[in-house]
């Protein structure tokens, strides 16, 4: 599996059989390619509450060497635009993980030939004329535009999939 750890608040302590032992801070995303196998633990080792999403994608290549890396993304990287997380943390699949923080209305072009899954990390907004709140998700097929209206400090993850 291709596994993303998306740290929303606090931090996540990652230890694995590759020798990594790191504290991944809020705003960072880690990617682990399980490949032939990797053992690992994730957890909160501080007194500060954390919020962490783990997102899995099936790879298109199997029996590969396991890998782990991470990147710190800033608010500016995602403010009123989608940041392509998979540019910094590439995966073995024809897929992109996009993330954005929106305070203004926004229009994003979608490819009709691809599939999309949107997850509301925080905030509220009207997306393609549907009222959404934190924790909501939508899938899109045969859509050409994603319209974000009336965002209230909204953070979104958008999967772009074959």
C-alpha atoms as a PDB file:
ATOM      1  CA  UNK A   1       0.000   0.000   0.000  1.00  0.00           C
ATOM      2  CA  UNK A   2       0.901   3.647  -0.427  1.00  0.00           C
ATOM      3  CA  UNK A   3       0.070   5.258   2.917  1.00  0.00           C
ATOM      4  CA  UNK A   4      -0.144   8.956   3.705  1.00  0.00           C
ATOM      5  CA  UNK A   5      -0.140  10.320   7.249  1.00  0.00           C
ATOM      6  CA  UNK A   6      -1.688  13.806   7.246  1.00  0.00           C
ATOM      7  CA  UNK A   7      -0.997  15.617  10.533  1.00  0.00           C
ATOM      8  CA  UNK A   8      -3.697  18.218  11.169  1.00  0.00           C
ATOM      9  CA  UNK A   9      -2.957  19.170  14.796  1.00  0.00           C
ATOM     10  CA  UNK A  10      -0.258  18.231  17.280  1.00  0.00           C
ATOM     11  CA  UNK A  11       2.283  15.729  15.992  1.00  0.00           C
ATOM     12  CA  UNK A  12       2.672  12.052  15.209  1.00  0.00           C
ATOM     13  CA  UNK A  13       5.639   9.966  16.299  1.00  0.00           C
ATOM     14  CA  UNK A  14       6.709   7.524  13.568  1.00  0.00           C
ATOM     15  CA  UNK A  15       9.072   4.581  14.162  1.00  0.00           C
ATOM     16  CA  UNK A  16       9.730   1.906  11.522  1.00  0.00           C
ATOM     17  CA  UNK A  17      11.901  -1.047  10.607  1.00  0.00           C
ATOM     18  CA  UNK A  18      13.872   1.114   8.160  1.00  0.00           C
ATOM     19  CA  UNK A  19      15.430   2.931  11.139  1.00  0.00           C
ATOM     20  CA  UNK A  20      13.256   6.050  11.061  1.00  0.00           C
ATOM     21  CA  UNK A  21      12.325   7.528  14.448  1.00  0.00           C
ATOM     22  CA  UNK A  22      10.800  10.962  13.872  1.00  0.00           C
ATOM     23  CA  UNK A  23       8.225  13.355  15.251  1.00  0.00           C
ATOM     24  CA  UNK A  24       6.093  14.537  12.326  1.00  0.00           C
ATOM     25  CA  UNK A  25       4.625  17.997  13.122  1.00  0.00           C
ATOM     26  CA  UNK A  26       1.275  19.564  12.251  1.00  0.00           C
ATOM     27  CA  UNK A  27       1.107  20.632   8.622  1.00  0.00           C
ATOM     28  CA  UNK A  28       3.417  17.827   7.547  1.00  0.00           C
ATOM     29  CA  UNK A  29       2.489  14.821   5.473  1.00  0.00           C
ATOM     30  CA  UNK A  30       4.393  11.554   5.569  1.00  0.00           C
ATOM     31  CA  UNK A  31       4.337   8.862   2.912  1.00  0.00           C
ATOM     32  CA  UNK A  32       5.117   5.256   3.472  1.00  0.00           C
ATOM     33  CA  UNK A  33       5.358   2.799   0.608  1.00  0.00           C
ATOM     34  CA  UNK A  34       4.878  -0.587   2.268  1.00  0.00           C
ATOM     35  CA  UNK A  35       6.360  -2.516  -0.670  1.00  0.00           C
ATOM     36  CA  UNK A  36       7.677  -5.943   0.372  1.00  0.00           C
ATOM     37  CA  UNK A  37       6.962  -5.105   3.969  1.00  0.00           C
ATOM     38  CA  UNK A  38       7.674  -2.638   6.705  1.00  0.00           C
ATOM     39  CA  UNK A  39       6.777  -2.695  10.357  1.00  0.00           C
ATOM     40  CA  UNK A  40       5.962   0.609  11.984  1.00  0.00           C
ATOM     41  CA  UNK A  41       4.157   2.382  14.765  1.00  0.00           C
ATOM     42  CA  UNK A  42       2.428   5.747  14.757  1.00  0.00           C
ATOM     43  CA  UNK A  43       1.284   7.552  17.839  1.00  0.00           C
ATOM     44  CA  UNK A  44       1.065  10.624  19.970  1.00  0.00           C
ATOM     45  CA  UNK A  45       3.979  10.687  22.408  1.00  0.00           C
ATOM     46  CA  UNK A  46       3.274  14.198  23.733  1.00  0.00           C
ATOM     47  CA  UNK A  47       0.711  15.683  26.108  1.00  0.00           C
ATOM     48  CA  UNK A  48      -0.649  17.823  23.271  1.00  0.00           C
ATOM     49  CA  UNK A  49      -3.772  16.378  21.602  1.00  0.00           C
ATOM     50  CA  UNK A  50      -3.293  15.457  17.974  1.00  0.00           C
ATOM     51  CA  UNK A  51      -5.479  14.948  14.939  1.00  0.00           C
ATOM     52  CA  UNK A  52      -4.109  12.681  12.269  1.00  0.00           C
ATOM     53  CA  UNK A  53      -5.535  11.179   9.073  1.00  0.00           C
ATOM     54  CA  UNK A  54      -4.171   8.020   7.523  1.00  0.00           C
ATOM     55  CA  UNK A  55      -4.971   7.662   3.815  1.00  0.00           C
ATOM     56  CA  UNK A  56      -4.304   4.497   1.823  1.00  0.00           C
ATOM     57  CA  UNK A  57      -3.955   3.987  -1.942  1.00  0.00           C
ATOM     58  CA  UNK A  58      -3.348   0.653  -3.658  1.00  0.00           C
ATOM     59  CA  UNK A  59      -0.096   0.853  -5.677  1.00  0.00           C
ATOM     60  CA  UNK A  60       0.264  -0.092  -9.331  1.00  0.00           C
ATOM     61  CA  UNK A  61       3.702  -1.671  -8.685  1.00  0.00           C
ATOM     62  CA  UNK A  62       4.197  -4.526  -6.251  1.00  0.00           C
ATOM     63  CA  UNK A  63       7.131  -6.265  -4.557  1.00  0.00           C
ATOM     64  CA  UNK A  64       9.137  -3.033  -4.276  1.00  0.00           C
ATOM     65  CA  UNK A  65      11.492  -1.824  -1.565  1.00  0.00           C
ATOM     66  CA  UNK A  66       9.649  -0.170   1.335  1.00  0.00           C
ATOM     67  CA  UNK A  67      10.153   3.583   1.716  1.00  0.00           C
ATOM     68  CA  UNK A  68       9.304   6.358   4.143  1.00  0.00           C
ATOM     69  CA  UNK A  69       9.641  10.109   3.737  1.00  0.00           C
ATOM     70  CA  UNK A  70       7.838  13.237   4.821  1.00  0.00           C
ATOM     71  CA  UNK A  71       7.543  16.909   3.958  1.00  0.00           C
ATOM     72  CA  UNK A  72       6.475  19.968   5.935  1.00  0.00           C
ATOM     73  CA  UNK A  73       3.830  21.945   4.047  1.00  0.00           C
ATOM     74  CA  UNK A  74       3.071  25.516   5.096  1.00  0.00           C
ATOM     75  CA  UNK A  75      -0.209  27.351   5.198  1.00  0.00           C
ATOM     76  CA  UNK A  76       1.069  29.477   2.300  1.00  0.00           C
ATOM     77  CA  UNK A  77       1.657  26.317   0.223  1.00  0.00           C
ATOM     78  CA  UNK A  78      -2.088  25.580   0.430  1.00  0.00           C
ATOM     79  CA  UNK A  79      -3.755  28.990   0.893  1.00  0.00           C
ATOM     80  CA  UNK A  80      -6.550  29.522  -1.661  1.00  0.00           C
ATOM     81  CA  UNK A  81      -5.113  26.920  -4.022  1.00  0.00           C
ATOM     82  CA  UNK A  82      -4.526  23.197  -4.198  1.00  0.00           C
ATOM     83  CA  UNK A  83      -1.042  22.023  -3.323  1.00  0.00           C
ATOM     84  CA  UNK A  84      -0.008  18.769  -5.004  1.00  0.00           C
ATOM     85  CA  UNK A  85       1.264  16.709  -2.068  1.00  0.00           C
ATOM     86  CA  UNK A  86       2.404  13.947  -4.428  1.00  0.00           C
ATOM     87  CA  UNK A  87       4.893  16.279  -6.131  1.00  0.00           C
ATOM     88  CA  UNK A  88       6.985  16.207  -2.940  1.00  0.00           C
ATOM     89  CA  UNK A  89       5.903  12.708  -1.865  1.00  0.00           C
ATOM     90  CA  UNK A  90       5.472  10.659  -5.071  1.00  0.00           C
ATOM     91  CA  UNK A  91       3.591   7.374  -4.997  1.00  0.00           C
ATOM     92  CA  UNK A  92       3.447   4.239  -7.121  1.00  0.00           C
ATOM     93  CA  UNK A  93       0.079   4.969  -8.689  1.00  0.00           C
ATOM     94  CA  UNK A  94      -1.516   7.245 -11.290  1.00  0.00           C
ATOM     95  CA  UNK A  95      -3.029   9.396  -8.560  1.00  0.00           C
ATOM     96  CA  UNK A  96      -2.536  12.756  -6.902  1.00  0.00           C
ATOM     97  CA  UNK A  97      -3.248  13.892  -3.379  1.00  0.00           C
ATOM     98  CA  UNK A  98      -4.139  17.591  -3.364  1.00  0.00           C
ATOM     99  CA  UNK A  99      -4.679  19.742  -0.279  1.00  0.00           C
ATOM    100  CA  UNK A 100      -5.915  23.295   0.100  1.00  0.00           C
ATOM    101  CA  UNK A 101      -6.928  25.837   2.704  1.00  0.00           C
ATOM    102  CA  UNK A 102      -9.598  28.192   1.398  1.00  0.00           C
ATOM    103  CA  UNK A 103     -10.776  31.537   2.715  1.00  0.00           C
ATOM    104  CA  UNK A 104     -12.011  32.800  -0.673  1.00  0.00           C
ATOM    105  CA  UNK A 105     -14.333  31.379  -3.315  1.00  0.00           C
ATOM    106  CA  UNK A 106     -12.439  29.098  -5.682  1.00  0.00           C
ATOM    107  CA  UNK A 107     -12.991  27.206  -8.935  1.00  0.00           C
ATOM    108  CA  UNK A 108     -10.889  24.158  -9.845  1.00  0.00           C
ATOM    109  CA  UNK A 109     -11.036  22.329 -13.179  1.00  0.00           C
ATOM    110  CA  UNK A 110     -11.523  18.568 -13.047  1.00  0.00           C
ATOM    111  CA  UNK A 111     -10.747  16.034 -15.768  1.00  0.00           C
ATOM    112  CA  UNK A 112     -13.980  14.271 -16.865  1.00  0.00           C
ATOM    113  CA  UNK A 113     -11.998  11.059 -17.427  1.00  0.00           C
ATOM    114  CA  UNK A 114     -10.763  10.789 -13.827  1.00  0.00           C
ATOM    115  CA  UNK A 115     -12.384  10.106 -10.467  1.00  0.00           C
ATOM    116  CA  UNK A 116     -12.172  12.398  -7.454  1.00  0.00           C
ATOM    117  CA  UNK A 117     -12.812  12.041  -3.760  1.00  0.00           C
ATOM    118  CA  UNK A 118     -13.035  15.155  -1.582  1.00  0.00           C
ATOM    119  CA  UNK A 119     -12.712  15.146   2.209  1.00  0.00           C
ATOM    120  CA  UNK A 120     -13.507  18.155   4.401  1.00  0.00           C
ATOM    121  CA  UNK A 121     -10.682  18.323   6.957  1.00  0.00           C
ATOM    122  CA  UNK A 122     -11.915  21.476   8.701  1.00  0.00           C
ATOM    123  CA  UNK A 123     -14.428  24.261   8.220  1.00  0.00           C
ATOM    124  CA  UNK A 124     -17.596  24.618   6.199  1.00  0.00           C
ATOM    125  CA  UNK A 125     -18.389  25.596   2.611  1.00  0.00           C
ATOM    126  CA  UNK A 126     -20.761  25.109  -0.274  1.00  0.00           C
ATOM    127  CA  UNK A 127     -19.090  22.816  -2.783  1.00  0.00           C
ATOM    128  CA  UNK A 128     -20.820  22.326  -6.121  1.00  0.00           C
ATOM    129  CA  UNK A 129     -24.026  23.628  -4.496  1.00  0.00           C
ATOM    130  CA  UNK A 130     -23.873  21.174  -1.563  1.00  0.00           C
ATOM    131  CA  UNK A 131     -23.462  22.422   2.020  1.00  0.00           C
ATOM    132  CA  UNK A 132     -20.546  20.579   3.620  1.00  0.00           C
ATOM    133  CA  UNK A 133     -19.046  20.548   7.109  1.00  0.00           C
ATOM    134  CA  UNK A 134     -15.921  19.087   8.682  1.00  0.00           C
ATOM    135  CA  UNK A 135     -15.786  15.321   8.188  1.00  0.00           C
ATOM    136  CA  UNK A 136     -17.988  15.250   5.081  1.00  0.00           C
ATOM    137  CA  UNK A 137     -16.830  13.607   1.878  1.00  0.00           C
ATOM    138  CA  UNK A 138     -17.955  13.573  -1.745  1.00  0.00           C
ATOM    139  CA  UNK A 139     -16.966  11.543  -4.769  1.00  0.00           C
ATOM    140  CA  UNK A 140     -17.028  12.912  -8.305  1.00  0.00           C
ATOM    141  CA  UNK A 141     -17.270  11.128 -11.642  1.00  0.00           C
ATOM    142  CA  UNK A 142     -17.844  12.842 -14.982  1.00  0.00           C
ATOM    143  CA  UNK A 143     -17.492  16.307 -13.420  1.00  0.00           C
ATOM    144  CA  UNK A 144     -15.556  19.143 -15.004  1.00  0.00           C
ATOM    145  CA  UNK A 145     -15.556  21.810 -12.259  1.00  0.00           C
ATOM    146  CA  UNK A 146     -15.218  21.925  -8.493  1.00  0.00           C
ATOM    147  CA  UNK A 147     -16.687  25.153  -7.109  1.00  0.00           C
ATOM    148  CA  UNK A 148     -16.006  26.261  -3.536  1.00  0.00           C
ATOM    149  CA  UNK A 149     -18.339  28.990  -2.263  1.00  0.00           C
ATOM    150  CA  UNK A 150     -18.630  30.721   1.120  1.00  0.00           C
ATOM    151  CA  UNK A 151     -15.645  28.967   2.679  1.00  0.00           C
ATOM    152  CA  UNK A 152     -15.286  29.361   6.430  1.00  0.00           C
ATOM    153  CA  UNK A 153     -11.537  28.667   6.885  1.00  0.00           C
ATOM    154  CA  UNK A 154     -11.894  25.420   5.013  1.00  0.00           C
ATOM    155  CA  UNK A 155      -9.215  22.742   4.602  1.00  0.00           C
ATOM    156  CA  UNK A 156      -9.828  20.119   1.910  1.00  0.00           C
ATOM    157  CA  UNK A 157      -8.060  16.983   0.749  1.00  0.00           C
ATOM    158  CA  UNK A 158      -8.828  16.006  -2.843  1.00  0.00           C
ATOM    159  CA  UNK A 159      -7.826  12.665  -4.329  1.00  0.00           C
ATOM    160  CA  UNK A 160      -7.409  12.650  -8.122  1.00  0.00           C
ATOM    161  CA  UNK A 161      -7.654   9.011  -9.231  1.00  0.00           C
ATOM    162  CA  UNK A 162      -7.745   6.943 -12.456  1.00  0.00           C
END
